Protein backbone atom coordinates (compact mmCIF):
# COMPACT_ATOMS: atom_id res chain seq x y z
CA MET A 1 -14.48 -27.92 4.07
CA LYS A 2 -18.22 -28.23 3.83
CA GLU A 3 -20.53 -25.42 2.89
CA SER A 4 -21.80 -25.21 6.40
CA GLU A 5 -18.26 -25.01 7.91
CA VAL A 6 -17.25 -21.92 5.94
CA PRO A 7 -16.03 -19.34 8.66
CA GLN A 8 -18.26 -16.43 9.64
CA ASP A 9 -16.11 -14.80 12.16
CA LYS A 10 -16.07 -11.21 12.76
CA SER A 11 -13.51 -9.15 10.48
CA SER A 12 -12.93 -5.73 9.27
CA LEU A 13 -14.76 -6.82 6.04
CA GLU A 14 -18.12 -6.74 7.89
CA SER A 15 -18.37 -3.06 8.16
CA SER A 16 -18.20 -2.66 4.46
CA ASN A 17 -20.75 -5.31 3.67
CA PHE A 18 -18.20 -7.18 1.86
CA LYS A 19 -18.05 -10.94 1.68
CA GLU A 20 -15.22 -13.05 0.69
CA LEU A 21 -15.77 -15.73 -1.83
CA CYS A 22 -14.46 -19.19 -0.78
CA TYR A 23 -14.64 -22.67 -2.26
CA ALA A 24 -16.55 -25.40 -0.30
CA VAL A 25 -18.24 -28.76 -0.90
CA ASN A 26 -21.94 -28.82 -0.93
CA ASP A 27 -24.19 -31.79 0.34
CA ASN A 28 -23.68 -33.65 -3.09
CA GLY A 29 -19.96 -33.63 -2.68
CA GLU A 30 -19.50 -31.02 -5.38
CA TYR A 31 -17.31 -27.84 -5.18
CA THR A 32 -19.23 -24.75 -5.06
CA THR A 33 -18.73 -21.16 -3.92
CA ALA A 34 -19.80 -19.79 -0.50
CA SER A 35 -19.66 -16.45 1.12
CA SER A 36 -17.61 -15.75 4.36
CA SER A 37 -17.70 -12.82 6.51
CA GLY A 38 -14.25 -13.34 7.83
CA TRP A 39 -11.90 -15.81 9.45
CA THR A 40 -10.07 -14.73 12.62
CA PRO A 41 -6.58 -15.99 11.78
CA LYS A 42 -6.82 -14.23 8.45
CA THR A 43 -8.21 -11.06 10.14
CA ILE A 44 -5.32 -10.89 12.57
CA ALA A 45 -2.75 -11.27 9.83
CA LEU A 46 -4.39 -8.58 7.79
CA ASN A 47 -4.59 -6.28 10.69
CA ASN A 48 -0.92 -6.87 11.41
CA ALA A 49 -0.01 -6.19 7.74
CA ILE A 50 -2.02 -2.93 7.90
CA GLN A 51 -0.23 -1.83 11.08
CA GLU A 52 3.17 -2.47 9.53
CA ILE A 53 2.32 -0.51 6.53
CA ASN A 54 1.12 2.30 8.68
CA GLU A 55 4.28 2.21 10.65
CA ARG A 56 6.45 2.28 7.43
CA VAL A 57 4.58 5.34 6.20
CA GLU A 58 4.95 7.13 9.47
CA ASN A 59 8.68 6.29 9.54
CA ALA A 60 9.15 7.54 6.04
CA LYS A 61 7.36 10.78 6.92
CA LYS A 62 9.68 11.31 9.95
CA ARG A 63 12.65 10.62 7.70
CA VAL A 64 11.52 13.24 5.25
CA ILE A 65 10.85 15.84 7.93
CA ASN A 66 14.42 15.10 9.29
CA LYS A 67 15.90 15.56 5.74
CA GLU A 68 17.14 11.96 5.68
CA THR A 69 15.16 10.91 2.62
CA SER A 70 13.05 12.55 -0.17
CA PRO A 71 9.26 12.83 -0.16
CA ILE A 72 9.28 10.30 -3.01
CA GLU A 73 10.03 7.50 -0.38
CA TYR A 74 7.06 8.69 1.79
CA TYR A 75 4.59 8.75 -1.12
CA MET A 76 5.74 5.33 -2.30
CA GLU A 77 5.05 3.94 1.06
CA LEU A 78 1.88 5.76 1.40
CA HIS A 79 0.78 4.22 -1.86
CA LYS A 80 1.84 0.68 -0.86
CA MET A 81 4.56 0.39 -3.51
CA ASP A 82 8.08 -0.75 -3.62
CA VAL A 83 11.02 0.53 -5.46
CA GLY A 84 10.41 -2.00 -8.31
CA ILE A 85 6.76 -0.97 -8.79
CA LEU A 86 7.43 2.68 -8.62
CA ALA A 87 10.36 2.27 -11.01
CA SER A 88 8.27 0.52 -13.54
CA TYR A 89 5.68 3.29 -13.39
CA VAL A 90 8.06 6.10 -13.71
CA GLY A 91 10.02 4.26 -16.50
CA LEU A 92 13.39 4.35 -14.74
CA TRP A 93 15.66 1.96 -13.42
CA GLN A 94 15.36 1.02 -9.70
CA TRP A 95 18.91 2.40 -8.86
CA ARG A 96 17.76 5.83 -10.29
CA VAL A 97 14.58 5.81 -8.12
CA LYS A 98 16.53 4.81 -5.13
CA ARG A 99 19.00 7.77 -5.92
CA HIS A 100 16.08 10.15 -5.93
CA PHE A 101 15.45 9.28 -2.28
CA LYS A 102 18.41 11.28 -1.53
CA PRO A 103 17.26 14.80 -0.67
CA LYS A 104 20.15 16.62 -2.49
CA VAL A 105 19.49 14.54 -5.58
CA PHE A 106 15.68 15.15 -5.20
CA GLN A 107 16.13 18.95 -5.12
CA LYS A 108 18.00 18.85 -8.48
CA LEU A 109 15.60 16.65 -10.40
CA PRO A 110 14.32 18.10 -13.71
CA GLN A 111 10.67 19.35 -13.51
CA LYS A 112 9.65 16.75 -16.05
CA ILE A 113 10.74 13.88 -13.60
CA VAL A 114 9.24 15.62 -10.63
CA GLN A 115 5.94 15.88 -12.51
CA LYS A 116 6.15 12.23 -13.45
CA TYR A 117 6.30 11.20 -9.77
CA ALA A 118 3.56 13.67 -8.88
CA ASP A 119 1.27 12.19 -11.64
CA ILE A 120 1.87 8.83 -10.46
CA PHE A 121 1.00 9.64 -6.80
CA GLU A 122 -1.96 11.69 -8.21
CA ILE A 123 -0.87 14.89 -6.31
CA THR A 124 0.57 18.37 -7.36
CA VAL A 125 4.21 19.03 -7.66
CA ASP A 126 3.90 21.39 -4.66
CA GLN A 127 2.41 18.59 -2.55
CA LEU A 128 5.25 16.24 -3.54
CA LYS A 129 7.83 18.82 -2.54
CA HIS A 130 6.40 19.87 0.76
CA ILE A 131 5.09 17.25 3.13
CA GLU A 132 2.85 18.86 5.83
CA HIS A 133 4.08 17.88 9.40
CA GLY A 134 0.46 17.48 10.55
CA ASN A 135 -0.82 15.17 7.66
């Protein structure tokens, strides 16, 4: 696309004075970079993704409150991780992390492993073990 055709649609990036870097063709036919404040289709996709993430976090929180899963799953979703990423940070196999989602297993975890999870999520062990209903 030409430099003059780089989209400047309204987006959530605008409020943070953040511009996205795009490649465009200048008047001499050479590739150059241009700033874009947003592009409507991309903004819609980004907003949909954020909404889905928020729903996953809320569902995980409800499952923790209902004692269907452990707080590890909630904090994993809150930090936009998946089991593979979390497992690599904790240094455990994925199947072990999934097993720690079981409330009975979570309650019996050694303090050292619970502390590892808390450190990764940058919270205290107490915060990890007790999710507030209002937060």
